[in-house]
């Protein structure tokens, strides 16, 4: 398998920094890092973004377990998730699949998320979901290959820079 081209965010000046800044802003909303990682994985699975799914497993957050990561694909039935995480995943699914229903984000999904997250955290979740959808669309459209990014010099620099935060 070969990518159609380099990731567009790496080609256009400022694009990578802009998308990364959007993602960083989502980390400031008080949503647990592990929940944001589950949201990232869930949207990436829905969108069929193998590059992002691969990254979710390679760069697990905190004390995340493989059982919980594997369960994201079946989050409704999996016993490993909290009610707040389920609410975040339901919101992720609705926002990622906007055109699947007339009422894209039904009130019951919104209200359940609002029961677990305050306004700032809801804003963070929405921004995080939107950002992962941007990444997924860039990667899927250009057929980015899972695992390839991790071999790049950019990845090595990123891993070295972020190792202190894990």
C-alpha atoms as a PDB file:
ATOM      1  CA  UNK A   1       0.000   0.000   0.000  1.00  0.00           C
ATOM      2  CA  UNK A   2       1.229   3.474  -0.817  1.00  0.00           C
ATOM      3  CA  UNK A   3      -0.114   6.909   0.049  1.00  0.00           C
ATOM      4  CA  UNK A   4      -1.406   9.038  -2.811  1.00  0.00           C
ATOM      5  CA  UNK A   5       0.627  11.956  -1.543  1.00  0.00           C
ATOM      6  CA  UNK A   6       2.171  13.331   1.622  1.00  0.00           C
ATOM      7  CA  UNK A   7      -0.404  14.421   4.212  1.00  0.00           C
ATOM      8  CA  UNK A   8      -1.819  17.786   3.024  1.00  0.00           C
ATOM      9  CA  UNK A   9      -1.246  19.318   6.465  1.00  0.00           C
ATOM     10  CA  UNK A  10       2.480  18.739   5.945  1.00  0.00           C
ATOM     11  CA  UNK A  11       2.453  20.439   2.541  1.00  0.00           C
ATOM     12  CA  UNK A  12       0.528  23.659   3.129  1.00  0.00           C
ATOM     13  CA  UNK A  13       2.349  26.249   5.242  1.00  0.00           C
ATOM     14  CA  UNK A  14       0.725  26.612   8.639  1.00  0.00           C
ATOM     15  CA  UNK A  15      -1.818  23.806   8.167  1.00  0.00           C
ATOM     16  CA  UNK A  16      -0.120  21.319  10.495  1.00  0.00           C
ATOM     17  CA  UNK A  17       0.337  23.925  13.221  1.00  0.00           C
ATOM     18  CA  UNK A  18      -3.294  25.048  12.867  1.00  0.00           C
ATOM     19  CA  UNK A  19      -4.753  21.554  13.218  1.00  0.00           C
ATOM     20  CA  UNK A  20      -2.380  20.725  16.063  1.00  0.00           C
ATOM     21  CA  UNK A  21      -3.331  23.975  17.829  1.00  0.00           C
ATOM     22  CA  UNK A  22      -7.001  23.087  17.515  1.00  0.00           C
ATOM     23  CA  UNK A  23      -6.296  19.702  19.075  1.00  0.00           C
ATOM     24  CA  UNK A  24      -4.236  21.273  21.869  1.00  0.00           C
ATOM     25  CA  UNK A  25      -7.103  23.637  22.695  1.00  0.00           C
ATOM     26  CA  UNK A  26      -9.371  20.630  23.246  1.00  0.00           C
ATOM     27  CA  UNK A  27      -6.934  19.386  25.890  1.00  0.00           C
ATOM     28  CA  UNK A  28      -7.638  22.516  27.967  1.00  0.00           C
ATOM     29  CA  UNK A  29     -11.312  21.774  28.623  1.00  0.00           C
ATOM     30  CA  UNK A  30     -11.044  19.472  31.602  1.00  0.00           C
ATOM     31  CA  UNK A  31     -11.911  16.244  29.782  1.00  0.00           C
ATOM     32  CA  UNK A  32      -9.663  13.399  30.942  1.00  0.00           C
ATOM     33  CA  UNK A  33      -6.829  12.617  28.535  1.00  0.00           C
ATOM     34  CA  UNK A  34      -7.953   8.985  28.321  1.00  0.00           C
ATOM     35  CA  UNK A  35     -11.475  10.042  27.316  1.00  0.00           C
ATOM     36  CA  UNK A  36     -10.108  12.261  24.545  1.00  0.00           C
ATOM     37  CA  UNK A  37      -8.021   9.322  23.333  1.00  0.00           C
ATOM     38  CA  UNK A  38     -11.111   7.078  23.269  1.00  0.00           C
ATOM     39  CA  UNK A  39     -12.979   9.768  21.314  1.00  0.00           C
ATOM     40  CA  UNK A  40     -10.092   9.904  18.829  1.00  0.00           C
ATOM     41  CA  UNK A  41     -10.144   6.131  18.384  1.00  0.00           C
ATOM     42  CA  UNK A  42     -13.931   5.967  18.039  1.00  0.00           C
ATOM     43  CA  UNK A  43     -14.153   8.620  15.305  1.00  0.00           C
ATOM     44  CA  UNK A  44     -11.167   7.086  13.511  1.00  0.00           C
ATOM     45  CA  UNK A  45     -12.805   3.644  13.516  1.00  0.00           C
ATOM     46  CA  UNK A  46     -16.056   5.101  12.160  1.00  0.00           C
ATOM     47  CA  UNK A  47     -14.199   6.957   9.406  1.00  0.00           C
ATOM     48  CA  UNK A  48     -11.967   4.001   8.548  1.00  0.00           C
ATOM     49  CA  UNK A  49      -8.756   5.945   9.201  1.00  0.00           C
ATOM     50  CA  UNK A  50      -6.190   3.197   9.666  1.00  0.00           C
ATOM     51  CA  UNK A  51      -3.386   5.702  10.318  1.00  0.00           C
ATOM     52  CA  UNK A  52      -5.236   7.231  13.286  1.00  0.00           C
ATOM     53  CA  UNK A  53      -6.414   3.866  14.630  1.00  0.00           C
ATOM     54  CA  UNK A  54      -2.804   2.697  14.486  1.00  0.00           C
ATOM     55  CA  UNK A  55      -1.642   5.780  16.392  1.00  0.00           C
ATOM     56  CA  UNK A  56      -4.281   5.213  19.074  1.00  0.00           C
ATOM     57  CA  UNK A  57      -2.749   1.852  19.901  1.00  0.00           C
ATOM     58  CA  UNK A  58       0.883   2.954  19.551  1.00  0.00           C
ATOM     59  CA  UNK A  59       0.514   5.984  21.838  1.00  0.00           C
ATOM     60  CA  UNK A  60      -1.846   4.830  24.579  1.00  0.00           C
ATOM     61  CA  UNK A  61      -2.597   7.541  27.125  1.00  0.00           C
ATOM     62  CA  UNK A  62      -1.836   7.138  30.802  1.00  0.00           C
ATOM     63  CA  UNK A  63      -2.696   3.748  32.250  1.00  0.00           C
ATOM     64  CA  UNK A  64      -4.979   2.832  29.325  1.00  0.00           C
ATOM     65  CA  UNK A  65      -5.560  -0.887  28.807  1.00  0.00           C
ATOM     66  CA  UNK A  66      -5.806  -2.864  25.610  1.00  0.00           C
ATOM     67  CA  UNK A  67      -9.197  -4.190  26.755  1.00  0.00           C
ATOM     68  CA  UNK A  68     -10.649  -0.680  26.823  1.00  0.00           C
ATOM     69  CA  UNK A  69      -9.127   0.244  23.473  1.00  0.00           C
ATOM     70  CA  UNK A  70     -10.424  -2.947  21.847  1.00  0.00           C
ATOM     71  CA  UNK A  71     -13.845  -2.303  23.367  1.00  0.00           C
ATOM     72  CA  UNK A  72     -14.307   1.094  21.707  1.00  0.00           C
ATOM     73  CA  UNK A  73     -15.619  -0.646  18.582  1.00  0.00           C
ATOM     74  CA  UNK A  74     -18.417  -2.103  20.740  1.00  0.00           C
ATOM     75  CA  UNK A  75     -18.602   0.603  23.400  1.00  0.00           C
ATOM     76  CA  UNK A  76     -22.324   0.171  24.135  1.00  0.00           C
ATOM     77  CA  UNK A  77     -21.850  -3.399  25.378  1.00  0.00           C
ATOM     78  CA  UNK A  78     -18.344  -3.223  26.836  1.00  0.00           C
ATOM     79  CA  UNK A  79     -18.109  -3.288  30.644  1.00  0.00           C
ATOM     80  CA  UNK A  80     -14.793  -1.402  30.759  1.00  0.00           C
ATOM     81  CA  UNK A  81     -16.100   2.139  30.211  1.00  0.00           C
ATOM     82  CA  UNK A  82     -17.634   4.676  32.571  1.00  0.00           C
ATOM     83  CA  UNK A  83     -20.990   6.336  31.948  1.00  0.00           C
ATOM     84  CA  UNK A  84     -19.169   9.603  31.192  1.00  0.00           C
ATOM     85  CA  UNK A  85     -16.976   7.861  28.608  1.00  0.00           C
ATOM     86  CA  UNK A  86     -20.044   6.257  27.030  1.00  0.00           C
ATOM     87  CA  UNK A  87     -21.674   9.683  26.800  1.00  0.00           C
ATOM     88  CA  UNK A  88     -18.540  11.061  25.114  1.00  0.00           C
ATOM     89  CA  UNK A  89     -18.497   8.148  22.661  1.00  0.00           C
ATOM     90  CA  UNK A  90     -22.200   8.559  21.855  1.00  0.00           C
ATOM     91  CA  UNK A  91     -21.566  12.239  21.146  1.00  0.00           C
ATOM     92  CA  UNK A  92     -18.540  11.296  19.036  1.00  0.00           C
ATOM     93  CA  UNK A  93     -20.586   8.878  16.991  1.00  0.00           C
ATOM     94  CA  UNK A  94     -23.384  11.398  16.413  1.00  0.00           C
ATOM     95  CA  UNK A  95     -21.053  14.258  15.471  1.00  0.00           C
ATOM     96  CA  UNK A  96     -18.966  12.017  13.210  1.00  0.00           C
ATOM     97  CA  UNK A  97     -22.056  10.625  11.444  1.00  0.00           C
ATOM     98  CA  UNK A  98     -23.894  13.930  10.980  1.00  0.00           C
ATOM     99  CA  UNK A  99     -25.733  12.902   7.825  1.00  0.00           C
ATOM    100  CA  UNK A 100     -26.968   9.544   9.139  1.00  0.00           C
ATOM    101  CA  UNK A 101     -30.144  10.958  10.699  1.00  0.00           C
ATOM    102  CA  UNK A 102     -32.424  13.956  10.335  1.00  0.00           C
ATOM    103  CA  UNK A 103     -31.636  15.107  13.876  1.00  0.00           C
ATOM    104  CA  UNK A 104     -27.868  14.740  13.679  1.00  0.00           C
ATOM    105  CA  UNK A 105     -27.237  15.088  17.416  1.00  0.00           C
ATOM    106  CA  UNK A 106     -30.453  14.066  19.180  1.00  0.00           C
ATOM    107  CA  UNK A 107     -31.415  15.723  22.446  1.00  0.00           C
ATOM    108  CA  UNK A 108     -30.981  12.502  24.438  1.00  0.00           C
ATOM    109  CA  UNK A 109     -27.347  12.200  23.327  1.00  0.00           C
ATOM    110  CA  UNK A 110     -26.688  15.872  24.074  1.00  0.00           C
ATOM    111  CA  UNK A 111     -28.413  15.726  27.454  1.00  0.00           C
ATOM    112  CA  UNK A 112     -26.501  12.625  28.516  1.00  0.00           C
ATOM    113  CA  UNK A 113     -23.211  14.290  27.577  1.00  0.00           C
ATOM    114  CA  UNK A 114     -24.274  17.481  29.403  1.00  0.00           C
ATOM    115  CA  UNK A 115     -25.066  15.387  32.497  1.00  0.00           C
ATOM    116  CA  UNK A 116     -21.398  14.339  32.679  1.00  0.00           C
ATOM    117  CA  UNK A 117     -19.562  17.367  31.278  1.00  0.00           C
ATOM    118  CA  UNK A 118     -19.866  21.085  31.972  1.00  0.00           C
ATOM    119  CA  UNK A 119     -19.962  23.646  29.164  1.00  0.00           C
ATOM    120  CA  UNK A 120     -16.174  23.975  28.896  1.00  0.00           C
ATOM    121  CA  UNK A 121     -15.735  20.201  28.763  1.00  0.00           C
ATOM    122  CA  UNK A 122     -18.517  19.881  26.167  1.00  0.00           C
ATOM    123  CA  UNK A 123     -16.742  22.519  24.086  1.00  0.00           C
ATOM    124  CA  UNK A 124     -13.534  20.522  24.415  1.00  0.00           C
ATOM    125  CA  UNK A 125     -15.264  17.326  23.343  1.00  0.00           C
ATOM    126  CA  UNK A 126     -16.820  18.997  20.294  1.00  0.00           C
ATOM    127  CA  UNK A 127     -13.503  20.553  19.263  1.00  0.00           C
ATOM    128  CA  UNK A 128     -11.709  17.223  19.805  1.00  0.00           C
ATOM    129  CA  UNK A 129     -14.293  15.360  17.708  1.00  0.00           C
ATOM    130  CA  UNK A 130     -14.087  17.960  14.937  1.00  0.00           C
ATOM    131  CA  UNK A 131     -10.288  17.843  14.972  1.00  0.00           C
ATOM    132  CA  UNK A 132     -10.055  14.067  14.709  1.00  0.00           C
ATOM    133  CA  UNK A 133     -12.540  14.204  11.851  1.00  0.00           C
ATOM    134  CA  UNK A 134     -10.218  16.671  10.083  1.00  0.00           C
ATOM    135  CA  UNK A 135      -7.274  14.320  10.569  1.00  0.00           C
ATOM    136  CA  UNK A 136      -9.344  11.357   9.401  1.00  0.00           C
ATOM    137  CA  UNK A 137     -10.445  13.149   6.248  1.00  0.00           C
ATOM    138  CA  UNK A 138      -6.905  14.227   5.399  1.00  0.00           C
ATOM    139  CA  UNK A 139      -5.534  10.725   5.984  1.00  0.00           C
ATOM    140  CA  UNK A 140      -8.299   8.701   4.333  1.00  0.00           C
ATOM    141  CA  UNK A 141      -8.499  10.914   1.244  1.00  0.00           C
ATOM    142  CA  UNK A 142      -4.759  10.656   0.624  1.00  0.00           C
ATOM    143  CA  UNK A 143      -4.604   7.001   1.747  1.00  0.00           C
ATOM    144  CA  UNK A 144      -2.026   7.517   4.453  1.00  0.00           C
ATOM    145  CA  UNK A 145      -0.555   4.157   5.426  1.00  0.00           C
ATOM    146  CA  UNK A 146      -0.861   2.981   9.017  1.00  0.00           C
ATOM    147  CA  UNK A 147       2.507   2.884  10.739  1.00  0.00           C
ATOM    148  CA  UNK A 148       4.393   4.847   8.075  1.00  0.00           C
ATOM    149  CA  UNK A 149       4.369   8.135   9.984  1.00  0.00           C
ATOM    150  CA  UNK A 150       6.026   6.482  12.960  1.00  0.00           C
ATOM    151  CA  UNK A 151       9.121   5.803  10.800  1.00  0.00           C
ATOM    152  CA  UNK A 152       9.585   9.450   9.826  1.00  0.00           C
ATOM    153  CA  UNK A 153      12.081  11.927  11.338  1.00  0.00           C
ATOM    154  CA  UNK A 154       9.082  14.082  12.362  1.00  0.00           C
ATOM    155  CA  UNK A 155       7.697  11.190  14.397  1.00  0.00           C
ATOM    156  CA  UNK A 156      10.991  10.580  16.166  1.00  0.00           C
ATOM    157  CA  UNK A 157      11.172  14.268  17.128  1.00  0.00           C
ATOM    158  CA  UNK A 158       7.555  14.183  18.308  1.00  0.00           C
ATOM    159  CA  UNK A 159       8.116  11.063  20.401  1.00  0.00           C
ATOM    160  CA  UNK A 160      11.224  12.577  21.990  1.00  0.00           C
ATOM    161  CA  UNK A 161       9.407  15.835  22.698  1.00  0.00           C
ATOM    162  CA  UNK A 162       6.281  14.218  24.139  1.00  0.00           C
ATOM    163  CA  UNK A 163       7.957  11.388  26.067  1.00  0.00           C
ATOM    164  CA  UNK A 164       8.226  13.654  29.080  1.00  0.00           C
ATOM    165  CA  UNK A 165       4.431  14.097  29.084  1.00  0.00           C
ATOM    166  CA  UNK A 166       3.578  10.397  29.249  1.00  0.00           C
END
